[in-house]
Amino acid sequence: MSGSQPRKRPSPAVYRRRRLVVLLALVAVVAVVWLLIAQPWQGAASAGEDPAASESVDGADALPAPESNAQDSTAAPEDPAATPTPSGTPVAPACAARNVTVEAVTDRDAYGSGEQPQLSIRLTNTGDDCILNVGTSAQVFTVSSGEDVWWRSTDCQAEPSNMVVLLAAGQTVTSAEPVAWDRTRSAQDTCDTDRAQAPAGGASYHLDVEIGGIPSTDSAQFLLY
């Protein structure tokens, strides 16, 4: 058309700016789609949670045995793979004393010269599922003769520890390995010295136990020869 001015083509710089705007818009769209699908904030929230909050306390299959520097006794459950260990937040209320029956147990009723009585604890949960500290810090073995207390497992106990476990309703748990009494009188100031031997010749002794603050209902009687 006569008299009209020819249209100027955009410069290369203008083309580059247009392509950059389109590219940035495309990147923004991809980023929004990725955020909606991946939802990375959920992973961050999960990482901030306490892993123990979703874990439960393992059940007890056997009770650990207290260790003392006056005797050598270790706990080994009947099934070594089933040793109870605390692993997180409890999934049941604490055991009520009225729902836990604790018994003192000896392997024999009488012991000959040089034979060491083997002492154990047996407990039964007569209520609903509950949790209880059955660690060595919560166990007490007491041997007495009449009113005379001869030996306590806590007098020279080494490194007591806690072990909170889940006791199922009706479950009975017994010491995995008994504690051996060396037939001496214990005291906290005699752990590394020679101690008096308990009288024998048919002398009568009684074992009382306690676990988690719950005492045994009756004592177990035995004789020393």
Protein backbone atom coordinates (compact mmCIF):
# COMPACT_ATOMS: atom_id res chain seq x y z
CA MET A 1 0.00 0.00 0.00
CA SER A 2 1.44 3.30 -1.04
CA GLY A 3 2.58 5.61 1.70
CA SER A 4 2.57 2.98 4.51
CA GLN A 5 5.63 2.40 6.61
CA PRO A 6 7.03 -1.18 6.66
CA ARG A 7 6.59 -2.93 10.09
CA LYS A 8 9.80 -3.26 11.98
CA ARG A 9 10.70 -6.73 13.11
CA PRO A 10 11.44 -7.08 16.86
CA SER A 11 15.06 -7.12 17.71
CA PRO A 12 16.79 -10.35 18.85
CA ALA A 13 16.84 -8.97 22.41
CA VAL A 14 13.03 -8.74 22.42
CA TYR A 15 12.75 -12.35 21.24
CA ARG A 16 15.07 -13.48 24.00
CA ARG A 17 13.04 -11.67 26.65
CA ARG A 18 9.80 -13.23 25.37
CA ARG A 19 11.29 -16.72 25.41
CA LEU A 20 12.58 -16.15 28.97
CA VAL A 21 9.12 -15.06 30.16
CA VAL A 22 7.53 -18.17 28.61
CA LEU A 23 10.22 -20.43 30.14
CA LEU A 24 9.77 -18.93 33.61
CA ALA A 25 6.00 -19.36 33.39
CA LEU A 26 6.48 -23.02 32.42
CA VAL A 27 8.86 -23.61 35.35
CA ALA A 28 6.37 -22.03 37.75
CA VAL A 29 3.57 -24.31 36.53
CA VAL A 30 5.78 -27.42 36.91
CA ALA A 31 6.79 -26.37 40.44
CA VAL A 32 3.17 -25.92 41.53
CA VAL A 33 2.21 -29.31 40.14
CA TRP A 34 5.17 -30.97 41.92
CA LEU A 35 4.24 -29.34 45.25
CA LEU A 36 0.67 -30.58 44.96
CA ILE A 37 1.73 -34.13 44.16
CA ALA A 38 4.85 -34.63 46.31
CA GLN A 39 3.69 -32.63 49.38
CA PRO A 40 7.23 -32.43 50.82
CA TRP A 41 5.95 -30.69 53.95
CA GLN A 42 4.46 -34.00 55.12
CA GLY A 43 7.89 -35.64 55.17
CA ALA A 44 9.30 -32.72 57.14
CA ALA A 45 6.50 -33.01 59.71
CA SER A 46 7.06 -36.75 60.06
CA ALA A 47 10.79 -36.22 60.54
CA GLY A 48 10.04 -33.88 63.43
CA GLU A 49 7.90 -36.40 65.29
CA ASP A 50 9.24 -38.46 68.18
CA PRO A 51 9.70 -42.00 66.82
CA ALA A 52 8.97 -43.42 70.27
CA ALA A 53 5.50 -41.90 70.22
CA SER A 54 4.28 -44.61 67.84
CA GLU A 55 6.09 -47.51 69.46
CA SER A 56 4.77 -49.76 72.21
CA VAL A 57 6.41 -51.36 75.22
CA ASP A 58 7.54 -54.92 74.59
CA GLY A 59 5.95 -57.67 76.63
CA ALA A 60 7.82 -59.49 79.38
CA ASP A 61 8.78 -63.13 78.93
CA ALA A 62 11.23 -63.35 81.84
CA LEU A 63 12.55 -61.14 84.62
CA PRO A 64 16.18 -59.98 84.62
CA ALA A 65 18.30 -61.04 87.58
CA PRO A 66 20.07 -58.49 89.80
CA GLU A 67 23.85 -58.62 89.75
CA SER A 68 25.92 -58.19 92.88
CA ASN A 69 29.64 -57.91 93.48
CA ALA A 70 29.11 -60.46 96.23
CA GLN A 71 27.79 -63.08 93.84
CA ASP A 72 27.93 -63.89 90.15
CA SER A 73 24.49 -64.20 88.61
CA THR A 74 23.24 -63.09 85.22
CA ALA A 75 19.85 -63.12 83.57
CA ALA A 76 19.29 -65.32 80.53
CA PRO A 77 15.68 -65.85 79.45
CA GLU A 78 14.34 -69.25 78.51
CA ASP A 79 14.11 -67.83 74.99
CA PRO A 80 17.14 -65.51 74.58
CA ALA A 81 15.50 -63.77 71.63
CA ALA A 82 12.54 -62.74 73.80
CA THR A 83 14.33 -60.63 76.40
CA PRO A 84 11.96 -57.77 77.30
CA THR A 85 13.22 -54.28 76.58
CA PRO A 86 11.48 -50.96 76.80
CA SER A 87 11.00 -49.43 73.35
CA GLY A 88 8.73 -46.43 73.55
CA THR A 89 5.57 -44.90 74.91
CA PRO A 90 3.44 -47.22 77.09
CA VAL A 91 0.28 -48.56 75.48
CA ALA A 92 -1.45 -49.46 78.75
CA PRO A 93 -1.89 -47.96 82.23
CA ALA A 94 0.45 -48.73 85.10
CA CYS A 95 -0.26 -51.97 86.94
CA ALA A 96 -2.24 -51.61 90.16
CA ALA A 97 -0.77 -53.47 93.12
CA ARG A 98 -4.10 -55.18 93.77
CA ASN A 99 -3.94 -56.78 90.31
CA VAL A 100 -0.41 -58.19 90.57
CA THR A 101 0.37 -61.29 92.62
CA VAL A 102 4.05 -61.61 93.58
CA GLU A 103 5.51 -64.89 94.85
CA ALA A 104 8.89 -65.77 96.37
CA VAL A 105 10.32 -68.94 94.82
CA THR A 106 13.26 -71.20 95.78
CA ASP A 107 14.46 -74.13 93.71
CA ARG A 108 14.47 -76.46 96.74
CA ASP A 109 13.16 -76.69 100.29
CA ALA A 110 16.50 -77.72 101.81
CA TYR A 111 20.19 -77.30 100.92
CA GLY A 112 23.14 -79.40 101.89
CA SER A 113 26.52 -78.10 102.97
CA GLY A 114 27.99 -75.74 100.35
CA GLU A 115 24.83 -75.63 98.25
CA GLN A 116 23.62 -72.13 97.45
CA PRO A 117 19.87 -71.42 97.46
CA GLN A 118 18.57 -70.26 94.10
CA LEU A 119 16.07 -67.42 94.55
CA SER A 120 13.45 -66.28 92.04
CA ILE A 121 10.42 -64.03 91.65
CA ARG A 122 7.14 -65.05 90.06
CA LEU A 123 4.45 -62.49 89.29
CA THR A 124 1.00 -62.82 87.78
CA ASN A 125 -1.12 -60.06 86.30
CA THR A 126 -4.69 -60.77 87.46
CA GLY A 127 -6.08 -57.59 85.87
CA ASP A 128 -6.11 -56.06 82.41
CA ASP A 129 -3.05 -55.29 80.29
CA CYS A 130 -0.76 -52.95 82.20
CA ILE A 131 2.85 -51.81 82.41
CA LEU A 132 5.29 -52.43 85.26
CA ASN A 133 8.95 -51.74 85.96
CA VAL A 134 10.47 -55.21 86.32
CA GLY A 135 14.09 -54.08 86.04
CA THR A 136 16.75 -54.95 88.57
CA SER A 137 16.24 -51.56 90.23
CA ALA A 138 12.69 -52.62 91.11
CA GLN A 139 13.58 -56.06 92.52
CA VAL A 140 14.37 -56.84 96.14
CA PHE A 141 15.25 -60.29 97.53
CA THR A 142 15.38 -60.57 101.33
CA VAL A 143 16.51 -63.62 103.30
CA SER A 144 15.74 -63.66 107.02
CA SER A 145 15.69 -66.05 109.95
CA GLY A 146 13.00 -65.08 112.38
CA GLU A 147 13.31 -61.32 112.87
CA ASP A 148 16.96 -61.34 111.80
CA VAL A 149 17.52 -60.15 108.23
CA TRP A 150 20.54 -61.99 106.85
CA TRP A 151 20.76 -60.86 103.26
CA ARG A 152 19.28 -58.29 100.85
CA SER A 153 19.99 -58.28 97.14
CA THR A 154 20.14 -54.47 97.13
CA ASP A 155 22.97 -54.22 99.68
CA CYS A 156 25.71 -54.87 97.13
CA GLN A 157 23.80 -54.67 93.88
CA ALA A 158 25.83 -53.59 90.86
CA GLU A 159 24.40 -51.24 88.22
CA PRO A 160 20.64 -51.58 88.80
CA SER A 161 18.52 -50.69 85.78
CA ASN A 162 14.89 -50.03 84.88
CA MET A 163 12.89 -52.16 82.48
CA VAL A 164 9.28 -51.11 81.92
CA VAL A 165 7.33 -53.84 80.12
CA LEU A 166 3.80 -54.67 79.12
CA LEU A 167 2.13 -57.42 81.14
CA ALA A 168 -0.78 -59.01 79.35
CA ALA A 169 -3.94 -59.85 81.25
CA GLY A 170 -3.46 -63.18 83.04
CA GLN A 171 0.25 -63.36 82.19
CA THR A 172 2.68 -65.02 84.60
CA VAL A 173 6.37 -64.11 84.49
CA THR A 174 9.23 -65.75 86.39
CA SER A 175 12.91 -64.91 86.81
CA ALA A 176 14.79 -66.14 83.76
CA GLU A 177 17.70 -67.18 85.94
CA PRO A 178 17.63 -67.30 89.74
CA VAL A 179 19.80 -65.25 92.05
CA ALA A 180 22.22 -67.34 94.11
CA TRP A 181 22.54 -66.56 97.82
CA ASP A 182 26.08 -67.28 98.98
CA ARG A 183 24.87 -68.05 102.54
CA THR A 184 26.51 -64.97 104.06
CA ARG A 185 25.21 -61.92 105.93
CA SER A 186 25.07 -58.87 103.68
CA ALA A 187 25.59 -55.21 104.51
CA GLN A 188 26.45 -52.23 102.37
CA ASP A 189 29.79 -51.78 104.11
CA THR A 190 30.87 -55.43 103.66
CA CYS A 191 30.56 -55.81 99.90
CA ASP A 192 34.31 -56.22 99.38
CA THR A 193 35.19 -58.01 102.61
CA ASP A 194 34.74 -61.46 104.11
CA ARG A 195 31.28 -61.86 105.56
CA ALA A 196 29.79 -64.01 108.27
CA GLN A 197 28.44 -67.37 107.18
CA ALA A 198 24.81 -68.15 107.92
CA PRO A 199 24.23 -70.88 110.52
CA ALA A 200 23.30 -74.26 109.04
CA GLY A 201 22.56 -77.62 110.68
CA GLY A 202 18.88 -77.44 109.73
CA ALA A 203 18.45 -73.72 110.40
CA SER A 204 15.26 -72.27 108.88
CA TYR A 205 15.22 -69.23 106.60
CA HIS A 206 12.54 -67.32 104.72
CA LEU A 207 12.70 -65.58 101.36
CA ASP A 208 10.59 -62.49 100.74
CA VAL A 209 10.63 -60.63 97.44
CA GLU A 210 9.37 -57.37 96.02
CA ILE A 211 9.07 -56.05 92.49
CA GLY A 212 7.83 -52.70 91.29
CA GLY A 213 7.03 -51.78 94.88
CA ILE A 214 4.71 -54.79 95.24
CA PRO A 215 5.72 -57.28 97.99
CA SER A 216 5.23 -61.02 97.83
CA THR A 217 2.04 -62.35 99.42
CA ASP A 218 3.92 -65.04 101.39
CA SER A 219 7.50 -65.95 102.10
CA ALA A 220 9.19 -69.13 100.89
CA GLN A 221 10.73 -71.21 103.68
CA PHE A 222 13.89 -73.31 103.24
CA LEU A 223 16.47 -75.07 105.42
CA LEU A 224 20.26 -74.92 105.42
CA TYR A 225 22.37 -77.96 106.34
